[in-house]
Amino acid sequence: MPAPRRSDRPGLLLWLNTTARVRARLLTERGVARKEMTVSPEDTLRAAGISSQRQAMYQRRMSSLLAGR
């Protein structure tokens, strides 16, 4: 009975992971890597066209509803 064939997948995944890490390190050292972009809730509301006054009113209403007033 022949031995079961071993998959090359673990080796491929290790190679891909190592390559990605080396590339990221090189890009960071060269200053080419992009910084992760963080989006604040205020940015999201601004992009949706919701003013800070409207958001404050909404927050007060939700707080009142949750408090049972």
C-alpha atoms as a PDB file:
ATOM      1  CA  MET A   1       0.000   0.000   0.000  1.00  0.00           C
ATOM      2  CA  PRO A   2       1.526   3.348  -1.026  1.00  0.00           C
ATOM      3  CA  ALA A   3       2.159   6.000   1.607  1.00  0.00           C
ATOM      4  CA  PRO A   4      -0.327   8.895   1.564  1.00  0.00           C
ATOM      5  CA  ARG A   5       0.951  11.864  -0.375  1.00  0.00           C
ATOM      6  CA  ARG A   6       1.972  14.819   1.768  1.00  0.00           C
ATOM      7  CA  SER A   7       0.493  18.127   0.864  1.00  0.00           C
ATOM      8  CA  ASP A   8       2.831  20.963  -0.073  1.00  0.00           C
ATOM      9  CA  ARG A   9       0.360  23.452   1.350  1.00  0.00           C
ATOM     10  CA  PRO A  10       2.063  24.014   4.756  1.00  0.00           C
ATOM     11  CA  GLY A  11       5.336  24.800   2.985  1.00  0.00           C
ATOM     12  CA  LEU A  12       3.604  27.185   0.598  1.00  0.00           C
ATOM     13  CA  LEU A  13       1.820  28.973   3.438  1.00  0.00           C
ATOM     14  CA  LEU A  14       5.086  29.333   5.362  1.00  0.00           C
ATOM     15  CA  TRP A  15       6.790  30.745   2.262  1.00  0.00           C
ATOM     16  CA  LEU A  16       3.943  33.234   1.643  1.00  0.00           C
ATOM     17  CA  ASN A  17       3.931  34.372   5.272  1.00  0.00           C
ATOM     18  CA  THR A  18       7.709  34.841   5.315  1.00  0.00           C
ATOM     19  CA  THR A  19       7.665  36.708   2.011  1.00  0.00           C
ATOM     20  CA  ALA A  20       4.924  39.045   3.218  1.00  0.00           C
ATOM     21  CA  ARG A  21       6.817  39.814   6.430  1.00  0.00           C
ATOM     22  CA  VAL A  22      10.085  40.514   4.607  1.00  0.00           C
ATOM     23  CA  ARG A  23       8.313  42.756   2.085  1.00  0.00           C
ATOM     24  CA  ALA A  24       6.558  44.703   4.844  1.00  0.00           C
ATOM     25  CA  ARG A  25       9.849  45.190   6.682  1.00  0.00           C
ATOM     26  CA  LEU A  26      11.607  46.421   3.537  1.00  0.00           C
ATOM     27  CA  LEU A  27       8.821  48.852   2.703  1.00  0.00           C
ATOM     28  CA  THR A  28       8.793  50.181   6.251  1.00  0.00           C
ATOM     29  CA  GLU A  29      12.568  50.696   6.243  1.00  0.00           C
ATOM     30  CA  ARG A  30      12.344  52.583   2.963  1.00  0.00           C
ATOM     31  CA  GLY A  31       9.475  54.716   4.228  1.00  0.00           C
ATOM     32  CA  VAL A  32       7.194  53.516   1.444  1.00  0.00           C
ATOM     33  CA  ALA A  33       4.716  51.608   3.594  1.00  0.00           C
ATOM     34  CA  ARG A  34       1.366  53.269   4.048  1.00  0.00           C
ATOM     35  CA  LYS A  35       0.199  53.977   7.549  1.00  0.00           C
ATOM     36  CA  GLU A  36      -3.033  52.337   8.552  1.00  0.00           C
ATOM     37  CA  MET A  37      -5.884  54.740   8.121  1.00  0.00           C
ATOM     38  CA  THR A  38      -8.169  55.045  11.115  1.00  0.00           C
ATOM     39  CA  VAL A  39     -11.643  56.447  10.719  1.00  0.00           C
ATOM     40  CA  SER A  40     -13.222  58.131  13.707  1.00  0.00           C
ATOM     41  CA  PRO A  41     -16.971  58.218  14.312  1.00  0.00           C
ATOM     42  CA  GLU A  42     -16.860  61.964  13.691  1.00  0.00           C
ATOM     43  CA  ASP A  43     -15.329  61.363  10.254  1.00  0.00           C
ATOM     44  CA  THR A  44     -18.102  58.904   9.399  1.00  0.00           C
ATOM     45  CA  LEU A  45     -20.840  61.338  10.472  1.00  0.00           C
ATOM     46  CA  ARG A  46     -19.190  64.201   8.593  1.00  0.00           C
ATOM     47  CA  ALA A  47     -19.002  62.075   5.429  1.00  0.00           C
ATOM     48  CA  ALA A  48     -22.701  61.261   5.811  1.00  0.00           C
ATOM     49  CA  GLY A  49     -23.540  64.967   6.117  1.00  0.00           C
ATOM     50  CA  ILE A  50     -24.722  64.783   9.737  1.00  0.00           C
ATOM     51  CA  SER A  51     -23.903  67.865  11.787  1.00  0.00           C
ATOM     52  CA  SER A  52     -22.568  67.686  15.337  1.00  0.00           C
ATOM     53  CA  GLN A  53     -25.742  69.453  16.560  1.00  0.00           C
ATOM     54  CA  ARG A  54     -27.959  66.819  14.939  1.00  0.00           C
ATOM     55  CA  GLN A  55     -25.814  64.039  16.407  1.00  0.00           C
ATOM     56  CA  ALA A  56     -26.018  65.595  19.893  1.00  0.00           C
ATOM     57  CA  MET A  57     -29.822  65.784  19.625  1.00  0.00           C
ATOM     58  CA  TYR A  58     -29.969  62.141  18.540  1.00  0.00           C
ATOM     59  CA  GLN A  59     -27.734  61.104  21.453  1.00  0.00           C
ATOM     60  CA  ARG A  60     -29.958  62.926  23.962  1.00  0.00           C
ATOM     61  CA  ARG A  61     -33.075  61.220  22.576  1.00  0.00           C
ATOM     62  CA  MET A  62     -31.463  57.772  22.657  1.00  0.00           C
ATOM     63  CA  SER A  63     -30.213  58.318  26.190  1.00  0.00           C
ATOM     64  CA  SER A  64     -33.705  59.315  27.297  1.00  0.00           C
ATOM     65  CA  LEU A  65     -35.251  56.257  25.636  1.00  0.00           C
ATOM     66  CA  LEU A  66     -32.721  53.917  27.177  1.00  0.00           C
ATOM     67  CA  ALA A  67     -33.176  55.502  30.603  1.00  0.00           C
ATOM     68  CA  GLY A  68     -36.948  55.018  30.320  1.00  0.00           C
ATOM     69  CA  ARG A  69     -37.839  58.696  30.622  1.00  0.00           C
END
